[in-house]
Amino acid sequence: MGANDKVNILLVDDQPARLLTYQSVLSELGQNLVCAHSGLEALDKLMHEEFAVVLLDVSMPGMDGFEAARLIHDHPRFEKTPIIFVTGVHVTDLDRLKGYKAGAVDYVSIPVVPEILRSKVAVLVELYCKRRELLELNRNLGQANERLAEANTTLQAEKTRELEALNATLQRANAELERANRSLQSEVAERARAERALKEADRHKDEFLAMLAHELRNPLAPMLNAVQLMRMKPATDQQLSWSRDVIERQLAHLTRLVDDLLDVARITRGRINLSREPIELGTLVARAVEIVQPLIQERGHQFTTEIPDGTLRVNADPLRLTQALGNVLGNAAKYTERQGHISLSVRRQGTEIDIRVRDNGIGIPAEVLPRIFDLFTRLDRRSDHPHSGLGIGLALVRRLLQMHDGTISAHSEGTGRGSEFVIRLPMLPETTQSVNGRQPATTADAPPVRRRILVADDNADALQTLATVLELSGHEVFSAANGSLALECAERHLPEVALLDIGMPLLDGYEVARRIRAQAWGKRITLVALTGWGQESDRRRSQEAGFDSHLVKPLDLGKLTQLLARLPASAPAADEAGGHTLNS
């Protein structure tokens, strides 16, 4: 086998799409790629050809990867053939042990990372080639030894110098092989170090995103509170009112960017769970339009909707599907010049619902269109265009729709010729009852109840603005600038509700909640965590500490108002002192 001869690589998977993926990833190696669609076909290929490495799917119908691997390595010819298992499910240590016993040398998880898969296969191919070279060299050495033996019997004296020269050549060859082996071992070790570094970098990335969201949300909270205060005061100056609206819109935009960034990190790691329920699509569309309406109005667009009469229901997570529709509408509003035209139409197509969002905006270049839903893809922007983004919105939309068994596609005739996004979702049968369709019992609007509320936050601006907003809403408010003062204030004033920041000095919010719950008087207080940490693990930790609710900064005043309205009208006995602020 020459140095430039190609070797065979066997790709075994029952899914043709994955085989095409493996071929695309490994084609750069320049080797012969042989495909098999089952374990039996793979065994047949092995009986007729020799392979440097086998890429074997674990989960195949009929004969799975473990059984195929055992049969391969039971044959004397293939007992040293390296096998890489490919799996799309979480692999436990027991699964790995089972695979290694069956003859595997490595595992690759789906979706595959092309560089990692290519590197692992390249190492095994190189080892195979070196092994073949070594076998060939051994055969050559054996032949040389035979010739030397013959020469030694006939011309021992004359061939002494030749034997010495050949021995020196063999020593040099052995030294070269030893250096090559050391180089290979060093390369394998370096690849292992690189893989560990990648995993560590991924962990640091998640930690950084969580910290970034927390640090961004903390200053957003007092800013949004200040805007709420401005809304509570009459504003006669139109320019001042306009400035307040600009600040509010941009704060909402920044909050959505932070949420999108975290959602992408969660989705790529499979950490988002949907809370699905039957719901009217028209309700979701109305919520999405409500979110984007300020931007549409601010840019002066003409917006039209076409929704058919009748019931169109989907089984969806209302929050996440509204988020997806809002992102698509938001893109149309952002990337359409002022006084543009945007339309949203809904149609029933068999058992699916077809949602189309059209605009006459800047369009999508043909070279960008195939990757418009890839993470961090952004259109080339003119310097005078006022909007920008992180390039994650459409990637998030596609993943959320996939989680709802739906699809999204984009169409555009090119730059400056507008765009159309088509969303398709499975429709619920008309016989399916919708909890959203039931009309709630109507009750007369009740006047807001005056509550006794404790607010604790070490951020002075956040503390003062939120306390002022609550006081202007008619509540009696007590303020504390750290955890120790919050505990003291709770015991002294016995509030009905305590809004506690988590990251306070002296005592953090978790410890304050635990100590309040440990007291007899503290069991009736409604505890609300108010924090910049919003991941699922943070919510679980709040619940374990005794909190009733977990609200993420910046605080949505509407959510807090609803929470206060749901509380019983009676309040625990307390002293009659007015609102106070406790500072360290």
Protein backbone atom coordinates (compact mmCIF):
# COMPACT_ATOMS: atom_id res chain seq x y z
CA MET A 1 0.00 0.00 0.00
CA GLY A 2 1.57 3.27 -1.14
CA ALA A 3 1.74 6.44 0.90
CA ASN A 4 -0.83 8.11 -1.34
CA ASP A 5 -3.25 5.15 -1.59
CA LYS A 6 -6.75 5.81 -0.29
CA VAL A 7 -8.15 3.72 2.54
CA ASN A 8 -11.76 2.65 3.08
CA ILE A 9 -13.99 4.17 5.78
CA LEU A 10 -17.28 2.37 6.51
CA LEU A 11 -20.28 4.59 7.43
CA VAL A 12 -23.20 2.63 8.97
CA ASP A 13 -26.55 4.33 9.68
CA ASP A 14 -30.17 3.50 8.85
CA GLN A 15 -30.96 7.17 8.13
CA PRO A 16 -29.81 8.33 4.66
CA ALA A 17 -29.74 11.98 5.77
CA ARG A 18 -27.15 11.19 8.44
CA LEU A 19 -25.05 9.22 5.92
CA LEU A 20 -25.04 12.29 3.66
CA THR A 21 -23.94 14.40 6.63
CA TYR A 22 -21.08 12.01 7.45
CA GLN A 23 -20.00 11.97 3.80
CA SER A 24 -20.03 15.76 3.66
CA VAL A 25 -18.00 16.08 6.88
CA LEU A 26 -15.44 13.36 6.02
CA SER A 27 -15.03 14.08 2.30
CA GLU A 28 -12.19 16.51 3.12
CA LEU A 29 -10.06 13.54 4.26
CA GLY A 30 -9.85 12.35 0.65
CA GLN A 31 -10.51 8.68 1.50
CA ASN A 32 -12.98 6.11 0.13
CA LEU A 33 -16.30 6.51 1.99
CA VAL A 34 -18.43 3.34 1.88
CA CYS A 35 -22.03 3.49 3.14
CA ALA A 36 -24.13 0.76 4.73
CA HIS A 37 -27.77 1.12 5.84
CA SER A 38 -27.85 -1.69 8.41
CA GLY A 39 -25.66 -3.92 10.53
CA LEU A 40 -26.08 -6.86 8.13
CA GLU A 41 -25.05 -4.75 5.15
CA ALA A 42 -22.04 -3.52 7.11
CA LEU A 43 -20.94 -7.12 7.83
CA ASP A 44 -21.29 -7.94 4.15
CA LYS A 45 -19.12 -4.95 3.19
CA LEU A 46 -16.47 -6.03 5.72
CA MET A 47 -16.31 -9.55 4.20
CA HIS A 48 -15.36 -8.09 0.82
CA GLU A 49 -13.19 -5.10 1.71
CA GLU A 50 -10.79 -3.95 4.38
CA PHE A 51 -11.66 -0.79 6.35
CA ALA A 52 -9.49 1.56 8.38
CA VAL A 53 -12.34 2.65 10.67
CA VAL A 54 -16.07 2.00 11.10
CA LEU A 55 -18.51 4.83 12.00
CA LEU A 56 -21.46 2.92 13.53
CA ASP A 57 -24.90 4.19 14.58
CA VAL A 58 -25.97 2.77 17.97
CA SER A 59 -29.76 2.88 17.44
CA MET A 60 -30.68 0.92 14.29
CA PRO A 61 -33.68 -1.32 13.69
CA GLY A 62 -33.05 -5.03 13.59
CA MET A 63 -29.41 -5.32 14.53
CA ASP A 64 -28.35 -2.38 16.71
CA GLY A 65 -24.84 -0.92 16.88
CA PHE A 66 -23.75 -2.93 19.92
CA GLU A 67 -24.64 -6.28 18.31
CA ALA A 68 -23.02 -5.31 15.01
CA ALA A 69 -19.84 -4.26 16.84
CA ARG A 70 -19.66 -7.58 18.70
CA LEU A 71 -20.05 -9.58 15.46
CA ILE A 72 -17.39 -7.48 13.75
CA HIS A 73 -14.82 -7.93 16.49
CA ASP A 74 -15.63 -11.65 16.91
CA HIS A 75 -14.19 -12.21 13.43
CA PRO A 76 -10.37 -12.65 13.51
CA ARG A 77 -9.89 -10.40 10.51
CA PHE A 78 -11.66 -7.43 12.12
CA GLU A 79 -10.81 -7.77 15.80
CA LYS A 80 -8.48 -4.77 15.58
CA THR A 81 -10.71 -2.62 13.35
CA PRO A 82 -11.53 0.58 15.33
CA ILE A 83 -15.22 1.46 15.76
CA ILE A 84 -16.65 4.89 16.61
CA PHE A 85 -20.21 4.80 17.94
CA VAL A 86 -22.63 7.58 16.90
CA THR A 87 -25.57 8.21 19.23
CA GLY A 88 -28.37 10.75 19.42
CA VAL A 89 -29.30 10.07 23.03
CA HIS A 90 -27.64 10.81 26.33
CA VAL A 91 -24.91 8.27 26.99
CA THR A 92 -24.44 7.04 30.55
CA ASP A 93 -21.26 5.52 31.93
CA LEU A 94 -22.91 2.07 31.71
CA ASP A 95 -23.71 2.67 28.04
CA ARG A 96 -20.10 3.68 27.41
CA LEU A 97 -18.83 0.57 29.20
CA LYS A 98 -21.16 -1.59 27.11
CA GLY A 99 -19.86 0.08 23.95
CA TYR A 100 -16.23 -0.32 24.90
CA LYS A 101 -16.79 -4.01 25.71
CA ALA A 102 -18.36 -4.41 22.27
CA GLY A 103 -15.22 -3.01 20.67
CA ALA A 104 -15.79 0.76 20.43
CA VAL A 105 -12.83 3.12 20.76
CA ASP A 106 -14.83 6.35 20.96
CA TYR A 107 -18.29 7.96 21.03
CA VAL A 108 -19.67 10.87 18.96
CA SER A 109 -22.94 12.58 19.92
CA ILE A 110 -25.60 13.90 17.52
CA PRO A 111 -25.68 16.61 16.34
CA VAL A 112 -22.10 16.00 15.34
CA VAL A 113 -19.51 18.76 15.42
CA PRO A 114 -17.82 18.42 11.98
CA GLU A 115 -14.33 19.38 13.17
CA ILE A 116 -14.39 16.91 16.07
CA LEU A 117 -15.74 14.01 13.98
CA ARG A 118 -13.28 14.72 11.17
CA SER A 119 -10.34 14.94 13.58
CA LYS A 120 -11.20 11.67 15.35
CA VAL A 121 -11.58 9.76 12.09
CA ALA A 122 -8.38 11.33 10.70
CA VAL A 123 -6.39 10.11 13.72
CA LEU A 124 -7.68 6.52 13.30
CA VAL A 125 -6.99 6.60 9.55
CA GLU A 126 -3.46 7.80 10.21
CA LEU A 127 -2.94 5.05 12.79
CA TYR A 128 -4.25 2.51 10.28
CA CYS A 129 -1.85 3.75 7.62
CA LYS A 130 1.06 3.64 10.04
CA ARG A 131 0.08 0.10 11.03
CA ARG A 132 -0.02 -0.95 7.38
CA GLU A 133 3.37 0.65 6.79
CA LEU A 134 4.75 -1.18 9.80
CA LEU A 135 3.42 -4.54 8.54
CA GLU A 136 4.94 -3.88 5.14
CA LEU A 137 8.21 -2.96 6.77
CA ASN A 138 8.12 -6.15 8.84
CA ARG A 139 7.57 -8.19 5.70
CA ASN A 140 10.51 -6.45 4.05
CA LEU A 141 12.64 -7.10 7.09
CA GLY A 142 11.68 -10.76 7.04
CA GLN A 143 12.67 -11.07 3.40
CA ALA A 144 15.92 -9.25 4.09
CA ASN A 145 16.69 -11.63 6.95
CA GLU A 146 16.12 -14.62 4.65
CA ARG A 147 18.50 -13.18 2.10
CA LEU A 148 21.01 -12.47 4.80
CA ALA A 149 20.76 -16.03 6.08
CA GLU A 150 21.40 -17.41 2.61
CA ALA A 151 24.28 -15.02 2.07
CA ASN A 152 25.70 -15.89 5.47
CA THR A 153 25.89 -19.58 4.66
CA THR A 154 27.59 -19.05 1.32
CA LEU A 155 29.51 -15.80 1.58
CA GLN A 156 29.73 -15.19 5.35
CA ALA A 157 32.99 -13.39 5.23
CA GLU A 158 32.20 -11.23 2.22
CA LYS A 159 28.78 -10.17 3.47
CA THR A 160 29.83 -9.12 6.98
CA ARG A 161 30.11 -5.47 5.98
CA GLU A 162 26.77 -5.59 4.18
CA LEU A 163 25.08 -7.09 7.26
CA GLU A 164 26.54 -4.38 9.46
CA ALA A 165 25.28 -1.70 7.08
CA LEU A 166 21.81 -3.27 6.99
CA ASN A 167 21.68 -3.47 10.78
CA ALA A 168 22.50 0.21 10.95
CA THR A 169 19.65 0.90 8.49
CA LEU A 170 17.27 -1.14 10.61
CA GLN A 171 18.26 0.76 13.71
CA ARG A 172 17.60 4.05 11.96
CA ALA A 173 14.22 2.75 10.78
CA ASN A 174 13.33 1.64 14.31
CA ALA A 175 14.36 5.00 15.70
CA GLU A 176 12.22 6.73 13.07
CA LEU A 177 9.25 4.52 13.93
CA GLU A 178 9.71 5.26 17.61
CA ARG A 179 9.75 8.99 16.92
CA ALA A 180 6.62 8.61 14.79
CA ASN A 181 4.86 6.71 17.58
CA ARG A 182 5.79 9.37 20.12
CA SER A 183 4.48 12.05 17.76
CA LEU A 184 1.19 10.19 17.34
CA GLN A 185 0.79 9.75 21.09
CA SER A 186 1.49 13.44 21.61
CA GLU A 187 -1.10 14.38 18.97
CA VAL A 188 -3.76 12.15 20.55
CA ALA A 189 -3.04 13.65 23.97
CA GLU A 190 -3.24 17.16 22.51
CA ARG A 191 -6.61 16.41 20.91
CA ALA A 192 -7.89 15.12 24.25
CA ARG A 193 -6.72 18.32 25.95
CA ALA A 194 -8.41 20.39 23.25
CA GLU A 195 -11.70 18.53 23.76
CA ARG A 196 -11.55 19.12 27.50
CA ALA A 197 -10.81 22.80 26.86
CA LEU A 198 -13.86 23.05 24.56
CA LYS A 199 -16.12 21.58 27.24
CA GLU A 200 -14.70 23.93 29.85
CA ALA A 201 -15.17 26.90 27.51
CA ASP A 202 -18.79 25.88 26.92
CA ARG A 203 -19.41 25.77 30.68
CA HIS A 204 -17.78 29.18 31.14
CA LYS A 205 -19.95 30.53 28.31
CA ASP A 206 -23.15 29.48 30.10
CA GLU A 207 -21.93 30.97 33.36
CA PHE A 208 -21.00 34.19 31.57
CA LEU A 209 -24.41 34.49 29.88
CA ALA A 210 -26.21 34.03 33.19
CA MET A 211 -23.96 36.61 34.87
CA LEU A 212 -24.34 39.01 31.93
CA ALA A 213 -28.14 38.79 32.10
CA HIS A 214 -28.08 39.42 35.85
CA GLU A 215 -25.76 42.41 35.56
CA LEU A 216 -27.81 43.91 32.70
CA ARG A 217 -31.16 43.41 34.43
CA ASN A 218 -30.07 45.11 37.65
CA PRO A 219 -29.67 48.60 36.10
CA LEU A 220 -32.72 48.02 33.88
CA ALA A 221 -34.96 47.66 36.95
CA PRO A 222 -34.63 51.23 38.37
CA MET A 223 -34.76 52.66 34.83
CA LEU A 224 -38.09 50.96 34.13
CA ASN A 225 -39.38 51.96 37.59
CA ALA A 226 -38.42 55.56 36.84
CA VAL A 227 -40.39 55.43 33.57
CA GLN A 228 -43.41 54.10 35.49
CA LEU A 229 -43.06 57.03 37.89
CA MET A 230 -42.98 59.44 34.95
CA ARG A 231 -46.20 57.85 33.64
CA MET A 232 -47.91 58.38 36.99
CA LYS A 233 -47.21 62.12 36.86
CA PRO A 234 -49.07 64.35 34.39
CA ALA A 235 -46.81 65.43 31.52
CA THR A 236 -47.92 68.54 29.64
CA ASP A 237 -44.71 68.91 27.63
CA GLN A 238 -45.12 66.81 24.44
CA GLN A 239 -41.37 66.51 23.91
CA LEU A 240 -40.93 65.21 27.47
CA SER A 241 -43.75 62.71 26.92
CA TRP A 242 -42.15 61.62 23.65
CA SER A 243 -38.77 61.20 25.36
CA ARG A 244 -40.36 59.05 28.07
CA ASP A 245 -41.94 56.81 25.40
CA VAL A 246 -38.58 56.46 23.61
CA ILE A 247 -36.89 55.38 26.84
CA GLU A 248 -39.67 52.87 27.55
CA ARG A 249 -39.49 51.36 24.04
CA GLN A 250 -35.71 51.03 24.12
CA LEU A 251 -35.80 49.49 27.61
CA ALA A 252 -38.29 46.89 26.35
CA HIS A 253 -36.04 46.24 23.33
CA LEU A 254 -32.96 45.76 25.53
CA THR A 255 -34.88 43.45 27.86
CA ARG A 256 -35.96 41.31 24.88
CA LEU A 257 -32.35 41.13 23.66
CA VAL A 258 -31.21 39.83 27.05
CA ASP A 259 -34.05 37.28 27.12
CA ASP A 260 -33.32 36.12 23.53
CA LEU A 261 -29.63 35.68 24.32
CA LEU A 262 -30.42 33.45 27.31
CA ASP A 263 -33.12 31.55 25.41
CA VAL A 264 -30.67 30.60 22.66
CA ALA A 265 -28.21 29.28 25.25
CA ARG A 266 -30.98 27.26 26.93
CA ILE A 267 -32.38 25.85 23.69
CA THR A 268 -29.00 24.74 22.34
CA ARG A 269 -28.49 22.78 25.55
CA GLY A 270 -32.08 21.44 25.63
CA ARG A 271 -33.02 23.27 28.82
CA ILE A 272 -36.35 24.78 27.71
CA ASN A 273 -39.58 22.91 28.51
CA LEU A 274 -42.84 23.92 26.90
CA SER A 275 -46.08 24.33 28.89
CA ARG A 276 -48.48 23.48 26.07
CA GLU A 277 -52.24 23.95 26.12
CA PRO A 278 -55.03 24.25 23.52
CA ILE A 279 -55.38 27.91 22.57
CA GLU A 280 -56.94 30.07 19.87
CA LEU A 281 -54.38 31.18 17.30
CA GLY A 282 -56.13 34.55 17.03
CA THR A 283 -55.39 35.15 20.71
CA LEU A 284 -51.68 34.46 20.16
CA VAL A 285 -51.57 36.71 17.09
CA ALA A 286 -53.26 39.51 19.04
CA ARG A 287 -50.69 39.20 21.85
CA ALA A 288 -47.79 39.25 19.38
CA VAL A 289 -49.21 42.29 17.56
CA GLU A 290 -49.67 44.05 20.92
CA ILE A 291 -45.99 43.54 21.70
CA VAL A 292 -44.80 44.92 18.34
CA GLN A 293 -47.47 47.63 17.91
CA PRO A 294 -45.38 50.43 19.50
CA LEU A 295 -42.53 49.83 17.03
CA ILE A 296 -44.95 49.65 14.08
CA GLN A 297 -46.55 52.94 15.10
CA GLU A 298 -43.23 54.61 15.81
CA ARG A 299 -42.02 53.79 12.27
CA GLY A 300 -45.31 54.80 10.70
CA HIS A 301 -46.00 51.46 8.97
CA GLN A 302 -49.33 50.47 7.46
CA PHE A 303 -50.17 47.14 9.12
CA THR A 304 -53.00 44.84 7.99
CA THR A 305 -54.18 41.47 9.22
CA GLU A 306 -56.31 38.82 7.54
CA ILE A 307 -57.60 36.18 9.97
CA PRO A 308 -60.51 33.94 8.91
CA ASP A 309 -63.66 33.62 10.96
CA GLY A 310 -64.11 30.44 12.94
CA THR A 311 -61.99 28.50 15.36
CA LEU A 312 -58.31 27.84 14.62
CA ARG A 313 -56.65 26.24 17.62
CA VAL A 314 -53.15 24.98 18.26
CA ASN A 315 -51.55 23.03 21.08
CA ALA A 316 -48.89 25.50 22.13
CA ASP A 317 -47.00 27.19 24.92
CA PRO A 318 -48.69 30.64 24.74
CA LEU A 319 -45.63 32.51 26.00
CA ARG A 320 -43.13 30.87 23.64
CA LEU A 321 -45.31 30.90 20.52
CA THR A 322 -46.21 34.56 21.13
CA GLN A 323 -42.48 35.21 21.45
CA ALA A 324 -41.81 33.53 18.08
CA LEU A 325 -44.59 35.43 16.25
CA GLY A 326 -43.48 38.68 17.90
CA ASN A 327 -39.89 38.19 16.73
CA VAL A 328 -41.00 37.70 13.10
CA LEU A 329 -43.28 40.75 13.20
CA GLY A 330 -40.56 42.75 14.96
CA ASN A 331 -38.08 41.92 12.19
CA ALA A 332 -40.58 43.06 9.55
CA ALA A 333 -41.05 46.36 11.40
CA LYS A 334 -37.32 46.93 11.93
CA TYR A 335 -36.15 46.08 8.41
CA THR A 336 -38.84 48.04 6.56
CA GLU A 337 -38.22 51.71 5.86
CA ARG A 338 -40.57 54.21 7.47
CA GLN A 339 -44.13 54.43 6.09
CA GLY A 340 -43.80 50.83 4.87
CA HIS A 341 -46.42 48.12 4.43
CA ILE A 342 -46.62 44.97 6.58
CA SER A 343 -49.32 42.32 6.37
CA LEU A 344 -50.12 39.24 8.42
CA SER A 345 -52.45 36.59 7.00
CA VAL A 346 -53.70 33.33 8.51
CA ARG A 347 -55.15 30.48 6.45
CA ARG A 348 -56.11 26.90 7.05
CA GLN A 349 -54.24 24.43 4.83
CA GLY A 350 -55.64 20.96 5.46
CA THR A 351 -54.57 19.93 8.94
CA GLU A 352 -52.12 22.84 9.22
CA ILE A 353 -52.36 26.56 9.85
CA ASP A 354 -50.44 28.78 7.43
CA ILE A 355 -49.25 32.15 8.82
CA ARG A 356 -47.61 34.60 6.39
CA VAL A 357 -45.85 37.85 7.31
CA ARG A 358 -45.05 40.05 4.29
CA ASP A 359 -43.27 43.39 4.10
CA ASN A 360 -41.88 45.74 1.45
CA GLY A 361 -38.66 46.26 3.38
CA ILE A 362 -34.95 45.89 2.60
CA GLY A 363 -35.30 42.25 1.49
CA ILE A 364 -32.81 39.42 1.86
CA PRO A 365 -29.84 38.91 -0.53
CA ALA A 366 -29.86 35.56 -2.35
CA GLU A 367 -26.53 34.53 -0.81
CA VAL A 368 -27.85 35.12 2.73
CA LEU A 369 -31.27 33.49 2.30
CA PRO A 370 -30.10 29.83 2.78
CA ARG A 371 -28.59 30.67 6.18
CA ILE A 372 -31.03 33.33 7.39
CA PHE A 373 -32.13 31.05 10.27
CA ASP A 374 -28.57 30.18 11.36
CA LEU A 375 -27.32 31.52 14.67
CA PHE A 376 -25.64 34.96 14.49
CA THR A 377 -26.59 35.52 10.82
CA ARG A 378 -27.10 39.24 10.20
CA LEU A 379 -27.93 41.19 7.05
CA ASP A 380 -25.39 43.71 5.74
CA ARG A 381 -26.57 47.00 7.19
CA ARG A 382 -26.41 50.50 5.77
CA SER A 383 -24.85 52.98 8.15
CA ASP A 384 -28.05 55.04 8.30
CA HIS A 385 -30.29 52.14 9.33
CA PRO A 386 -31.41 52.71 12.94
CA HIS A 387 -31.90 49.12 14.07
CA SER A 388 -29.50 46.26 14.71
CA GLY A 389 -29.50 42.99 16.52
CA LEU A 390 -27.44 40.05 17.72
CA GLY A 391 -28.42 37.73 14.86
CA ILE A 392 -30.20 35.29 17.17
CA GLY A 393 -33.88 36.19 16.77
CA LEU A 394 -34.72 34.06 13.72
CA ALA A 395 -32.59 31.14 14.97
CA LEU A 396 -34.62 31.24 18.18
CA VAL A 397 -37.89 31.42 16.21
CA ARG A 398 -37.03 28.35 14.15
CA ARG A 399 -36.11 26.28 17.21
CA LEU A 400 -39.24 27.32 19.12
CA LEU A 401 -41.43 26.40 16.13
CA GLN A 402 -39.66 23.05 15.76
CA MET A 403 -40.45 22.38 19.43
CA HIS A 404 -44.12 23.02 18.48
CA ASP A 405 -43.87 20.54 15.53
CA GLY A 406 -43.98 23.51 13.16
CA THR A 407 -41.76 25.02 10.46
CA ILE A 408 -40.71 28.44 9.17
CA SER A 409 -39.34 29.43 5.77
CA ALA A 410 -38.20 32.72 4.25
CA HIS A 411 -38.68 34.06 0.72
CA SER A 412 -37.32 37.20 -0.91
CA GLU A 413 -36.68 38.33 -4.48
CA GLY A 414 -33.54 40.14 -3.36
CA THR A 415 -32.25 43.34 -1.81
CA GLY A 416 -34.85 46.11 -1.65
CA ARG A 417 -37.73 43.86 -2.76
CA GLY A 418 -39.25 42.90 0.59
CA SER A 419 -39.53 39.55 2.38
CA GLU A 420 -42.12 36.93 3.25
CA PHE A 421 -41.91 34.54 6.20
CA VAL A 422 -44.20 31.49 6.19
CA ILE A 423 -44.98 29.70 9.47
CA ARG A 424 -46.83 26.37 9.49
CA LEU A 425 -48.26 24.82 12.64
CA PRO A 426 -50.33 21.66 13.17
CA MET A 427 -53.95 22.53 13.94
CA LEU A 428 -55.94 20.93 16.72
CA PRO A 429 -59.12 19.09 15.66
CA GLU A 430 -62.29 21.09 16.25
CA THR A 431 -63.46 18.51 18.81
CA THR A 432 -60.52 19.31 21.10
CA GLN A 433 -61.68 21.45 24.01
CA SER A 434 -59.74 24.63 24.53
CA VAL A 435 -59.24 25.93 28.00
CA ASN A 436 -58.67 29.23 26.28
CA GLY A 437 -62.10 29.09 24.69
CA ARG A 438 -64.02 28.99 27.93
CA GLN A 439 -65.28 32.38 28.95
CA PRO A 440 -64.23 33.26 32.48
CA ALA A 441 -66.88 34.42 34.88
CA THR A 442 -67.05 38.18 34.76
CA THR A 443 -66.74 40.11 37.93
CA ALA A 444 -67.19 43.78 38.56
CA ASP A 445 -63.93 45.73 38.67
CA ALA A 446 -62.93 45.87 42.31
CA PRO A 447 -60.98 48.86 43.63
CA PRO A 448 -57.31 48.06 44.36
CA VAL A 449 -56.64 46.93 47.92
CA ARG A 450 -54.08 48.90 49.93
CA ARG A 451 -51.30 46.52 50.91
CA ARG A 452 -48.48 46.63 53.43
CA ILE A 453 -45.36 45.89 51.36
CA LEU A 454 -41.71 45.44 52.31
CA VAL A 455 -39.18 46.23 49.55
CA ALA A 456 -35.55 45.15 50.10
CA ASP A 457 -32.72 45.86 47.63
CA ASP A 458 -29.12 46.98 48.05
CA ASN A 459 -29.36 49.00 44.79
CA ALA A 460 -30.46 52.40 46.10
CA ASP A 461 -31.99 53.52 42.79
CA ALA A 462 -33.96 50.30 42.36
CA LEU A 463 -35.15 50.44 45.97
CA GLN A 464 -36.25 54.08 45.90
CA THR A 465 -37.96 53.97 42.48
CA LEU A 466 -39.92 50.77 43.19
CA ALA A 467 -40.97 52.01 46.65
CA THR A 468 -42.16 55.29 45.16
CA VAL A 469 -44.14 53.52 42.41
CA LEU A 470 -45.87 51.35 45.01
CA GLU A 471 -46.61 54.31 47.28
CA LEU A 472 -48.14 56.25 44.39
CA SER A 473 -50.27 53.17 43.70
CA GLY A 474 -51.76 53.57 47.19
CA HIS A 475 -49.76 50.97 49.15
CA GLU A 476 -48.00 51.33 52.50
CA VAL A 477 -44.33 50.63 51.81
CA PHE A 478 -41.38 49.79 54.08
CA SER A 479 -37.85 49.85 52.58
CA ALA A 480 -34.64 48.07 53.60
CA ALA A 481 -31.20 48.45 52.04
CA ASN A 482 -29.78 45.02 52.98
CA GLY A 483 -30.85 41.57 54.13
CA SER A 484 -30.31 42.15 57.85
CA LEU A 485 -32.45 45.30 57.82
CA ALA A 486 -35.08 43.48 55.74
CA LEU A 487 -35.42 40.79 58.41
CA GLU A 488 -35.65 43.42 61.15
CA CYS A 489 -38.25 45.41 59.18
CA ALA A 490 -40.36 42.31 58.50
CA GLU A 491 -40.48 41.42 62.19
CA ARG A 492 -41.31 44.99 63.23
CA HIS A 493 -44.00 45.85 60.64
CA LEU A 494 -45.40 42.41 59.65
CA PRO A 495 -46.06 43.24 55.98
CA GLU A 496 -48.50 41.30 53.82
CA VAL A 497 -45.98 41.10 50.94
CA ALA A 498 -42.15 41.16 50.93
CA LEU A 499 -40.28 41.89 47.66
CA LEU A 500 -36.74 40.67 48.34
CA ASP A 501 -33.70 41.10 46.12
CA ILE A 502 -31.57 37.93 46.12
CA GLY A 503 -28.05 39.37 46.00
CA MET A 504 -28.09 41.57 49.12
CA PRO A 505 -25.16 42.03 51.53
CA LEU A 506 -25.09 40.77 55.14
CA LEU A 507 -27.96 38.33 54.46
CA ASP A 508 -28.94 37.35 50.93
CA GLY A 509 -32.58 37.02 49.89
CA TYR A 510 -32.59 33.24 50.30
CA GLU A 511 -31.46 33.45 53.92
CA VAL A 512 -33.93 36.25 54.70
CA ALA A 513 -36.77 34.12 53.27
CA ARG A 514 -35.70 31.07 55.30
CA ARG A 515 -35.54 33.06 58.55
CA ILE A 516 -38.92 34.71 57.95
CA ARG A 517 -40.53 31.35 57.23
CA ALA A 518 -39.02 29.98 60.46
CA GLN A 519 -41.09 32.47 62.50
CA ALA A 520 -44.76 31.99 63.30
CA TRP A 521 -45.55 35.52 62.09
CA GLY A 522 -43.67 34.90 58.84
CA LYS A 523 -45.76 32.01 57.54
CA ARG A 524 -48.58 34.35 56.39
CA ILE A 525 -46.33 36.78 54.50
CA THR A 526 -46.27 36.44 50.69
CA LEU A 527 -42.58 36.31 49.74
CA VAL A 528 -41.59 37.41 46.22
CA ALA A 529 -38.04 37.00 44.91
CA LEU A 530 -37.07 40.03 42.82
CA THR A 531 -33.78 39.31 41.04
CA GLY A 532 -31.76 39.46 37.85
CA TRP A 533 -31.26 35.68 37.96
CA GLY A 534 -33.96 34.01 35.90
CA GLN A 535 -32.85 30.50 34.98
CA GLU A 536 -34.84 27.43 35.97
CA SER A 537 -32.29 26.47 38.62
CA ASP A 538 -32.67 29.95 40.19
CA ARG A 539 -36.46 29.55 40.37
CA ARG A 540 -36.12 26.14 42.01
CA ARG A 541 -33.72 27.55 44.57
CA SER A 542 -36.14 30.40 45.38
CA GLN A 543 -38.98 27.94 45.91
CA GLU A 544 -36.82 25.79 48.17
CA ALA A 545 -35.95 28.89 50.28
CA GLY A 546 -39.66 29.59 50.89
CA PHE A 547 -40.54 32.16 48.21
CA ASP A 548 -44.09 32.14 46.80
CA SER A 549 -43.15 33.84 43.51
CA HIS A 550 -40.03 34.58 41.46
CA LEU A 551 -40.05 37.79 39.38
CA VAL A 552 -37.15 38.68 37.08
CA LYS A 553 -35.82 42.22 36.83
CA PRO A 554 -36.77 44.59 35.34
CA LEU A 555 -40.07 44.17 37.17
CA ASP A 556 -43.23 43.99 35.08
CA LEU A 557 -45.54 46.22 37.14
CA GLY A 558 -48.58 44.53 35.58
CA LYS A 559 -47.51 41.13 36.89
CA LEU A 560 -46.95 42.57 40.37
CA THR A 561 -50.35 44.26 40.28
CA GLN A 562 -52.03 40.95 39.34
CA LEU A 563 -50.14 39.17 42.12
CA LEU A 564 -51.28 41.73 44.71
CA ALA A 565 -54.87 41.58 43.44
CA ARG A 566 -54.98 37.79 43.97
CA LEU A 567 -54.09 38.09 47.65
CA PRO A 568 -56.91 37.94 50.25
CA ALA A 569 -58.19 41.32 51.39
CA SER A 570 -57.44 40.73 55.08
CA ALA A 571 -54.00 41.72 56.34
CA PRO A 572 -52.11 40.46 59.38
CA ALA A 573 -52.14 42.58 62.49
CA ALA A 574 -49.35 45.12 62.57
CA ASP A 575 -48.47 48.42 64.09
CA GLU A 576 -49.96 51.54 62.61
CA ALA A 577 -46.68 53.17 61.60
CA GLY A 578 -46.42 54.59 58.10
CA GLY A 579 -43.86 53.67 55.45
CA HIS A 580 -40.20 53.77 56.50
CA THR A 581 -36.77 53.26 54.99
CA LEU A 582 -34.09 51.31 56.85
CA ASN A 583 -30.50 51.91 55.70
CA SER A 584 -27.27 50.33 56.74
